[in-house]
Amino acid sequence: MQDYYAARAGEYDRIYQKPERQADLRKIESWLQTTLAGNSVLEIACGTGYWTQFFAPRCSRVVALDSAPETLGIARTRNLPDKVRFVVGDAYRIPIESDKFDAGFAGFWWSHIPLARIREFLQGFHAALRPGAKVVFLDNRFVGGSSTPISERDSEGNTYQARRLADGSIHRVLKNFPTRKELLEVIFPLADNVQYHEWEYYWAVEYGLVK
């Protein structure tokens, strides 16, 4: 996965240029600014900083983590305020700071977590946040004709796409599309005030950590 996103870094943001998705994207950009405003935020798998640019200006502090230096190189060109820090790191081994965060955000990361590792990831992610912190996940819905077709399913139920890059290389990429029921079954034992949002091409869930 890391090799794929390193190779894709230069064309990463093209996915946000699909004409049919523009109305959804404008709504989400506005919503995200409001829902994270005023908080110190830990962002996981920030990629090129596409989503960071929308919420960071209204936050008190942002640490944005990604495993690919190539995508972070693009993120650092976005001319964001000094309160934003981009860090190379592993989403499954998040460095725990003494000053924990008021909120956590991950955009288009949940779909890349193997089903068997979701609880492991959440445990590490939540450990870096304060009790009662707000958590927001944002990701894709599968929409035929717009989404890349599913090419494979493994014995654990994970699904995969065969993605072609501009250089012609084809990459096998884990991409799960959870249902609302599947998401909430994982989140409810850990969360307060769960809210699920759905647009035509995307979903989001926000909740507070159980104190």
C-alpha atoms as a PDB file:
ATOM      1  CA  MET A   1       0.000   0.000   0.000  1.00  0.00           C
ATOM      2  CA  GLN A   2       2.786   2.436   0.908  1.00  0.00           C
ATOM      3  CA  ASP A   3       4.576   1.719  -2.388  1.00  0.00           C
ATOM      4  CA  TYR A   4       1.357   2.341  -4.309  1.00  0.00           C
ATOM      5  CA  TYR A   5       0.731   5.735  -2.727  1.00  0.00           C
ATOM      6  CA  ALA A   6       4.363   6.713  -3.138  1.00  0.00           C
ATOM      7  CA  ALA A   7       4.082   5.933  -6.857  1.00  0.00           C
ATOM      8  CA  ARG A   8       0.707   7.683  -7.085  1.00  0.00           C
ATOM      9  CA  ALA A   9       1.711  10.859  -5.205  1.00  0.00           C
ATOM     10  CA  GLY A  10       1.878  13.123  -8.259  1.00  0.00           C
ATOM     11  CA  GLU A  11      -1.567  12.106  -9.503  1.00  0.00           C
ATOM     12  CA  TYR A  12      -3.186  11.522  -6.097  1.00  0.00           C
ATOM     13  CA  ASP A  13      -5.573  14.488  -6.170  1.00  0.00           C
ATOM     14  CA  ARG A  14      -7.049  13.658  -9.572  1.00  0.00           C
ATOM     15  CA  ILE A  15      -9.644  11.550  -7.779  1.00  0.00           C
ATOM     16  CA  TYR A  16     -11.148  14.793  -6.465  1.00  0.00           C
ATOM     17  CA  GLN A  17     -11.601  16.145  -9.982  1.00  0.00           C
ATOM     18  CA  LYS A  18     -14.343  13.737 -11.071  1.00  0.00           C
ATOM     19  CA  PRO A  19     -17.195  15.978 -12.309  1.00  0.00           C
ATOM     20  CA  GLU A  20     -19.989  13.906 -10.788  1.00  0.00           C
ATOM     21  CA  ARG A  21     -18.501  14.238  -7.281  1.00  0.00           C
ATOM     22  CA  GLN A  22     -18.097  18.001  -7.098  1.00  0.00           C
ATOM     23  CA  ALA A  23     -21.404  18.777  -5.365  1.00  0.00           C
ATOM     24  CA  ASP A  24     -20.659  16.238  -2.626  1.00  0.00           C
ATOM     25  CA  LEU A  25     -17.115  17.525  -2.167  1.00  0.00           C
ATOM     26  CA  ARG A  26     -18.224  21.134  -1.663  1.00  0.00           C
ATOM     27  CA  LYS A  27     -20.712  20.036   1.015  1.00  0.00           C
ATOM     28  CA  ILE A  28     -18.116  17.913   2.802  1.00  0.00           C
ATOM     29  CA  GLU A  29     -15.458  20.626   2.724  1.00  0.00           C
ATOM     30  CA  SER A  30     -17.829  23.033   4.454  1.00  0.00           C
ATOM     31  CA  TRP A  31     -19.031  20.448   6.971  1.00  0.00           C
ATOM     32  CA  LEU A  32     -15.506  19.384   7.907  1.00  0.00           C
ATOM     33  CA  GLN A  33     -14.390  22.932   8.683  1.00  0.00           C
ATOM     34  CA  THR A  34     -17.228  23.283  11.172  1.00  0.00           C
ATOM     35  CA  THR A  35     -17.058  19.890  12.846  1.00  0.00           C
ATOM     36  CA  LEU A  36     -13.337  20.107  13.722  1.00  0.00           C
ATOM     37  CA  ALA A  37     -13.090  23.863  14.352  1.00  0.00           C
ATOM     38  CA  GLY A  38     -11.281  24.976  17.515  1.00  0.00           C
ATOM     39  CA  ASN A  39      -9.746  21.586  18.284  1.00  0.00           C
ATOM     40  CA  SER A  40      -6.216  20.245  18.324  1.00  0.00           C
ATOM     41  CA  VAL A  41      -6.383  17.474  15.708  1.00  0.00           C
ATOM     42  CA  LEU A  42      -4.421  14.315  14.976  1.00  0.00           C
ATOM     43  CA  GLU A  43      -4.913  13.372  11.322  1.00  0.00           C
ATOM     44  CA  ILE A  44      -4.099   9.849  10.162  1.00  0.00           C
ATOM     45  CA  ALA A  45      -3.090   8.999   6.571  1.00  0.00           C
ATOM     46  CA  CYS A  46      -3.200  12.646   5.477  1.00  0.00           C
ATOM     47  CA  GLY A  47      -1.758  11.909   2.020  1.00  0.00           C
ATOM     48  CA  THR A  48      -1.163  15.112   0.076  1.00  0.00           C
ATOM     49  CA  GLY A  49      -2.933  17.200   2.709  1.00  0.00           C
ATOM     50  CA  TYR A  50      -6.000  17.612   0.505  1.00  0.00           C
ATOM     51  CA  TRP A  51      -8.399  17.437   3.466  1.00  0.00           C
ATOM     52  CA  THR A  52      -5.959  19.064   5.902  1.00  0.00           C
ATOM     53  CA  GLN A  53      -6.185  22.311   3.955  1.00  0.00           C
ATOM     54  CA  PHE A  54      -9.903  22.661   4.652  1.00  0.00           C
ATOM     55  CA  PHE A  55     -10.044  22.115   8.405  1.00  0.00           C
ATOM     56  CA  ALA A  56      -6.560  23.090   9.645  1.00  0.00           C
ATOM     57  CA  PRO A  57      -6.930  26.908   9.440  1.00  0.00           C
ATOM     58  CA  ARG A  58      -9.762  26.787  11.989  1.00  0.00           C
ATOM     59  CA  CYS A  59      -8.052  24.366  14.398  1.00  0.00           C
ATOM     60  CA  SER A  60      -5.712  25.199  17.278  1.00  0.00           C
ATOM     61  CA  ARG A  61      -3.072  22.622  16.273  1.00  0.00           C
ATOM     62  CA  VAL A  62      -2.771  19.837  13.697  1.00  0.00           C
ATOM     63  CA  VAL A  63      -0.349  16.919  13.498  1.00  0.00           C
ATOM     64  CA  ALA A  64      -0.896  15.110  10.172  1.00  0.00           C
ATOM     65  CA  LEU A  65       0.648  11.656   9.819  1.00  0.00           C
ATOM     66  CA  ASP A  66       1.350   9.613   6.687  1.00  0.00           C
ATOM     67  CA  SER A  67       3.686   6.739   5.852  1.00  0.00           C
ATOM     68  CA  ALA A  68       4.676   8.024   2.390  1.00  0.00           C
ATOM     69  CA  PRO A  69       7.262  10.844   2.281  1.00  0.00           C
ATOM     70  CA  GLU A  70       6.299  11.427  -1.357  1.00  0.00           C
ATOM     71  CA  THR A  71       2.734  12.472  -0.549  1.00  0.00           C
ATOM     72  CA  LEU A  72       3.869  14.503   2.465  1.00  0.00           C
ATOM     73  CA  GLY A  73       6.212  16.405   0.159  1.00  0.00           C
ATOM     74  CA  ILE A  74       3.134  17.621  -1.719  1.00  0.00           C
ATOM     75  CA  ALA A  75       1.260  18.332   1.518  1.00  0.00           C
ATOM     76  CA  ARG A  76       4.037  20.646   2.684  1.00  0.00           C
ATOM     77  CA  THR A  77       3.602  22.832  -0.423  1.00  0.00           C
ATOM     78  CA  ARG A  78       0.042  23.819   0.537  1.00  0.00           C
ATOM     79  CA  ASN A  79       1.218  26.886   2.467  1.00  0.00           C
ATOM     80  CA  LEU A  80      -0.696  25.985   5.617  1.00  0.00           C
ATOM     81  CA  PRO A  81      -0.143  27.867   8.896  1.00  0.00           C
ATOM     82  CA  ASP A  82       2.725  26.999  11.248  1.00  0.00           C
ATOM     83  CA  LYS A  83       0.306  25.261  13.619  1.00  0.00           C
ATOM     84  CA  VAL A  84       0.200  22.363  11.110  1.00  0.00           C
ATOM     85  CA  ARG A  85       2.966  19.757  11.351  1.00  0.00           C
ATOM     86  CA  PHE A  86       3.334  16.917   8.809  1.00  0.00           C
ATOM     87  CA  VAL A  87       5.006  13.763  10.145  1.00  0.00           C
ATOM     88  CA  VAL A  88       6.137  10.525   8.511  1.00  0.00           C
ATOM     89  CA  GLY A  89       4.690   7.682  10.564  1.00  0.00           C
ATOM     90  CA  ASP A  90       2.842   4.373  10.747  1.00  0.00           C
ATOM     91  CA  ALA A  91      -0.904   4.476  11.389  1.00  0.00           C
ATOM     92  CA  TYR A  92      -0.588   1.290  13.461  1.00  0.00           C
ATOM     93  CA  ARG A  93       2.247   2.685  15.598  1.00  0.00           C
ATOM     94  CA  ILE A  94       1.125   6.232  16.290  1.00  0.00           C
ATOM     95  CA  PRO A  95       3.586   8.219  18.402  1.00  0.00           C
ATOM     96  CA  ILE A  96       1.788   9.201  21.614  1.00  0.00           C
ATOM     97  CA  GLU A  97       2.457  12.807  22.614  1.00  0.00           C
ATOM     98  CA  SER A  98       2.271  13.965  26.227  1.00  0.00           C
ATOM     99  CA  ASP A  99      -0.273  16.599  25.189  1.00  0.00           C
ATOM    100  CA  LYS A 100      -3.046  14.462  23.735  1.00  0.00           C
ATOM    101  CA  PHE A 101      -5.403  15.713  21.034  1.00  0.00           C
ATOM    102  CA  ASP A 102      -8.955  17.068  21.287  1.00  0.00           C
ATOM    103  CA  ALA A 103      -9.959  15.360  18.035  1.00  0.00           C
ATOM    104  CA  GLY A 104      -8.871  12.748  15.509  1.00  0.00           C
ATOM    105  CA  PHE A 105      -9.556  12.662  11.782  1.00  0.00           C
ATOM    106  CA  ALA A 106      -8.877  10.137   9.027  1.00  0.00           C
ATOM    107  CA  GLY A 107     -10.035  10.739   5.466  1.00  0.00           C
ATOM    108  CA  PHE A 108     -10.125   7.766   3.089  1.00  0.00           C
ATOM    109  CA  TRP A 109      -8.148   5.557   5.431  1.00  0.00           C
ATOM    110  CA  TRP A 110     -10.828   3.306   6.950  1.00  0.00           C
ATOM    111  CA  SER A 111     -11.373   1.594   3.574  1.00  0.00           C
ATOM    112  CA  HIS A 112      -7.690   0.588   3.482  1.00  0.00           C
ATOM    113  CA  ILE A 113      -7.650  -1.087   6.911  1.00  0.00           C
ATOM    114  CA  PRO A 114      -7.776  -4.894   6.725  1.00  0.00           C
ATOM    115  CA  LEU A 115     -10.918  -6.059   8.510  1.00  0.00           C
ATOM    116  CA  ALA A 116      -8.842  -8.057  10.983  1.00  0.00           C
ATOM    117  CA  ARG A 117      -6.906  -4.921  12.026  1.00  0.00           C
ATOM    118  CA  ILE A 118      -9.701  -2.392  12.554  1.00  0.00           C
ATOM    119  CA  ARG A 119      -9.876  -2.835  16.333  1.00  0.00           C
ATOM    120  CA  GLU A 120      -6.080  -2.756  16.576  1.00  0.00           C
ATOM    121  CA  PHE A 121      -5.996   0.521  14.668  1.00  0.00           C
ATOM    122  CA  LEU A 122      -8.783   2.099  16.715  1.00  0.00           C
ATOM    123  CA  GLN A 123      -7.106   1.153  19.980  1.00  0.00           C
ATOM    124  CA  GLY A 124      -3.867   2.887  18.961  1.00  0.00           C
ATOM    125  CA  PHE A 125      -5.654   5.896  17.460  1.00  0.00           C
ATOM    126  CA  HIS A 126      -7.849   6.457  20.492  1.00  0.00           C
ATOM    127  CA  ALA A 127      -4.844   6.178  22.819  1.00  0.00           C
ATOM    128  CA  ALA A 128      -3.429   9.363  21.278  1.00  0.00           C
ATOM    129  CA  LEU A 129      -6.640  11.303  22.016  1.00  0.00           C
ATOM    130  CA  ARG A 130      -8.106  12.762  25.180  1.00  0.00           C
ATOM    131  CA  PRO A 131     -11.097  11.096  26.871  1.00  0.00           C
ATOM    132  CA  GLY A 132     -14.218  12.506  25.261  1.00  0.00           C
ATOM    133  CA  ALA A 133     -12.310  13.564  22.122  1.00  0.00           C
ATOM    134  CA  LYS A 134     -14.195  13.931  18.845  1.00  0.00           C
ATOM    135  CA  VAL A 135     -13.344  11.369  16.156  1.00  0.00           C
ATOM    136  CA  VAL A 136     -14.247  11.781  12.480  1.00  0.00           C
ATOM    137  CA  PHE A 137     -13.824   9.281   9.659  1.00  0.00           C
ATOM    138  CA  LEU A 138     -14.604  10.109   6.023  1.00  0.00           C
ATOM    139  CA  ASP A 139     -14.508   7.690   3.108  1.00  0.00           C
ATOM    140  CA  ASN A 140     -15.989   6.459  -0.172  1.00  0.00           C
ATOM    141  CA  ARG A 141     -19.227   4.701  -0.933  1.00  0.00           C
ATOM    142  CA  PHE A 142     -19.131   2.260  -3.828  1.00  0.00           C
ATOM    143  CA  VAL A 143     -21.033   3.763  -6.759  1.00  0.00           C
ATOM    144  CA  GLY A 144     -21.120   1.816  -9.999  1.00  0.00           C
ATOM    145  CA  GLY A 145     -19.859   3.760 -12.993  1.00  0.00           C
ATOM    146  CA  SER A 146     -17.791   6.099 -10.808  1.00  0.00           C
ATOM    147  CA  SER A 147     -15.899   3.792  -8.433  1.00  0.00           C
ATOM    148  CA  THR A 148     -13.138   1.481  -9.649  1.00  0.00           C
ATOM    149  CA  PRO A 149     -14.663  -2.022  -9.898  1.00  0.00           C
ATOM    150  CA  ILE A 150     -13.900  -4.620  -7.241  1.00  0.00           C
ATOM    151  CA  SER A 151     -11.522  -7.169  -8.731  1.00  0.00           C
ATOM    152  CA  GLU A 152     -11.040  -9.588  -5.853  1.00  0.00           C
ATOM    153  CA  ARG A 153     -12.288 -10.653  -2.418  1.00  0.00           C
ATOM    154  CA  ASP A 154     -10.148 -12.597   0.055  1.00  0.00           C
ATOM    155  CA  SER A 155     -11.122 -15.260   2.613  1.00  0.00           C
ATOM    156  CA  GLU A 156     -11.542 -12.637   5.373  1.00  0.00           C
ATOM    157  CA  GLY A 157     -13.986 -10.560   3.328  1.00  0.00           C
ATOM    158  CA  ASN A 158     -11.585  -7.785   2.301  1.00  0.00           C
ATOM    159  CA  THR A 159     -12.111  -6.442  -1.208  1.00  0.00           C
ATOM    160  CA  TYR A 160      -9.487  -5.217  -3.674  1.00  0.00           C
ATOM    161  CA  GLN A 161      -9.260  -3.000  -6.736  1.00  0.00           C
ATOM    162  CA  ALA A 162      -6.796  -3.218  -9.637  1.00  0.00           C
ATOM    163  CA  ARG A 163      -5.688   0.393 -10.109  1.00  0.00           C
ATOM    164  CA  ARG A 164      -3.771   1.620 -13.136  1.00  0.00           C
ATOM    165  CA  LEU A 165      -1.462   4.612 -12.779  1.00  0.00           C
ATOM    166  CA  ALA A 166      -0.451   7.063 -15.489  1.00  0.00           C
ATOM    167  CA  ASP A 167       2.778   5.129 -16.123  1.00  0.00           C
ATOM    168  CA  GLY A 168       0.715   2.035 -17.020  1.00  0.00           C
ATOM    169  CA  SER A 169       1.561   0.080 -13.867  1.00  0.00           C
ATOM    170  CA  ILE A 170      -1.283  -1.835 -12.219  1.00  0.00           C
ATOM    171  CA  HIS A 171      -1.527  -2.111  -8.436  1.00  0.00           C
ATOM    172  CA  ARG A 172      -3.616  -4.424  -6.245  1.00  0.00           C
ATOM    173  CA  VAL A 173      -5.139  -2.116  -3.618  1.00  0.00           C
ATOM    174  CA  LEU A 174      -7.176  -3.070  -0.561  1.00  0.00           C
ATOM    175  CA  LYS A 175     -10.405  -1.062  -0.652  1.00  0.00           C
ATOM    176  CA  ASN A 176     -13.295  -2.005   1.614  1.00  0.00           C
ATOM    177  CA  PHE A 177     -16.743  -0.390   1.433  1.00  0.00           C
ATOM    178  CA  PRO A 178     -18.395  -0.900   4.830  1.00  0.00           C
ATOM    179  CA  THR A 179     -22.125  -0.609   5.278  1.00  0.00           C
ATOM    180  CA  ARG A 180     -23.597   1.734   7.867  1.00  0.00           C
ATOM    181  CA  LYS A 181     -24.461  -1.289  10.018  1.00  0.00           C
ATOM    182  CA  GLU A 182     -20.906  -2.652   9.843  1.00  0.00           C
ATOM    183  CA  LEU A 183     -19.394   0.694  10.819  1.00  0.00           C
ATOM    184  CA  LEU A 184     -21.681   1.281  13.750  1.00  0.00           C
ATOM    185  CA  GLU A 185     -21.240  -2.243  15.107  1.00  0.00           C
ATOM    186  CA  VAL A 186     -17.515  -1.564  15.459  1.00  0.00           C
ATOM    187  CA  ILE A 187     -17.829   1.984  16.786  1.00  0.00           C
ATOM    188  CA  PHE A 188     -20.761   1.872  19.231  1.00  0.00           C
ATOM    189  CA  PRO A 189     -18.966   0.065  22.109  1.00  0.00           C
ATOM    190  CA  LEU A 190     -16.256   2.750  22.081  1.00  0.00           C
ATOM    191  CA  ALA A 191     -18.286   5.874  21.438  1.00  0.00           C
ATOM    192  CA  ASP A 192     -20.810   8.445  22.583  1.00  0.00           C
ATOM    193  CA  ASN A 193     -23.052  10.629  20.405  1.00  0.00           C
ATOM    194  CA  VAL A 194     -22.454   8.701  17.182  1.00  0.00           C
ATOM    195  CA  GLN A 195     -23.594  10.490  14.018  1.00  0.00           C
ATOM    196  CA  TYR A 196     -23.542   8.891  10.575  1.00  0.00           C
ATOM    197  CA  HIS A 197     -23.606  11.064   7.437  1.00  0.00           C
ATOM    198  CA  GLU A 198     -24.130   9.904   3.876  1.00  0.00           C
ATOM    199  CA  TRP A 199     -23.794  11.657   0.536  1.00  0.00           C
ATOM    200  CA  GLU A 200     -24.123  10.116  -2.904  1.00  0.00           C
ATOM    201  CA  TYR A 201     -20.425   9.204  -3.188  1.00  0.00           C
ATOM    202  CA  TYR A 202     -19.145   9.418   0.383  1.00  0.00           C
ATOM    203  CA  TRP A 203     -19.913   8.585   3.999  1.00  0.00           C
ATOM    204  CA  ALA A 204     -18.700  10.005   7.294  1.00  0.00           C
ATOM    205  CA  VAL A 205     -19.076   9.058  10.921  1.00  0.00           C
ATOM    206  CA  GLU A 206     -18.337  11.256  13.920  1.00  0.00           C
ATOM    207  CA  TYR A 207     -18.408  10.344  17.591  1.00  0.00           C
ATOM    208  CA  GLY A 208     -17.029  11.177  21.013  1.00  0.00           C
ATOM    209  CA  LEU A 209     -14.697   8.793  22.816  1.00  0.00           C
ATOM    210  CA  VAL A 210     -16.238   7.144  25.849  1.00  0.00           C
ATOM    211  CA  LYS A 211     -14.716   8.787  28.934  1.00  0.00           C
END
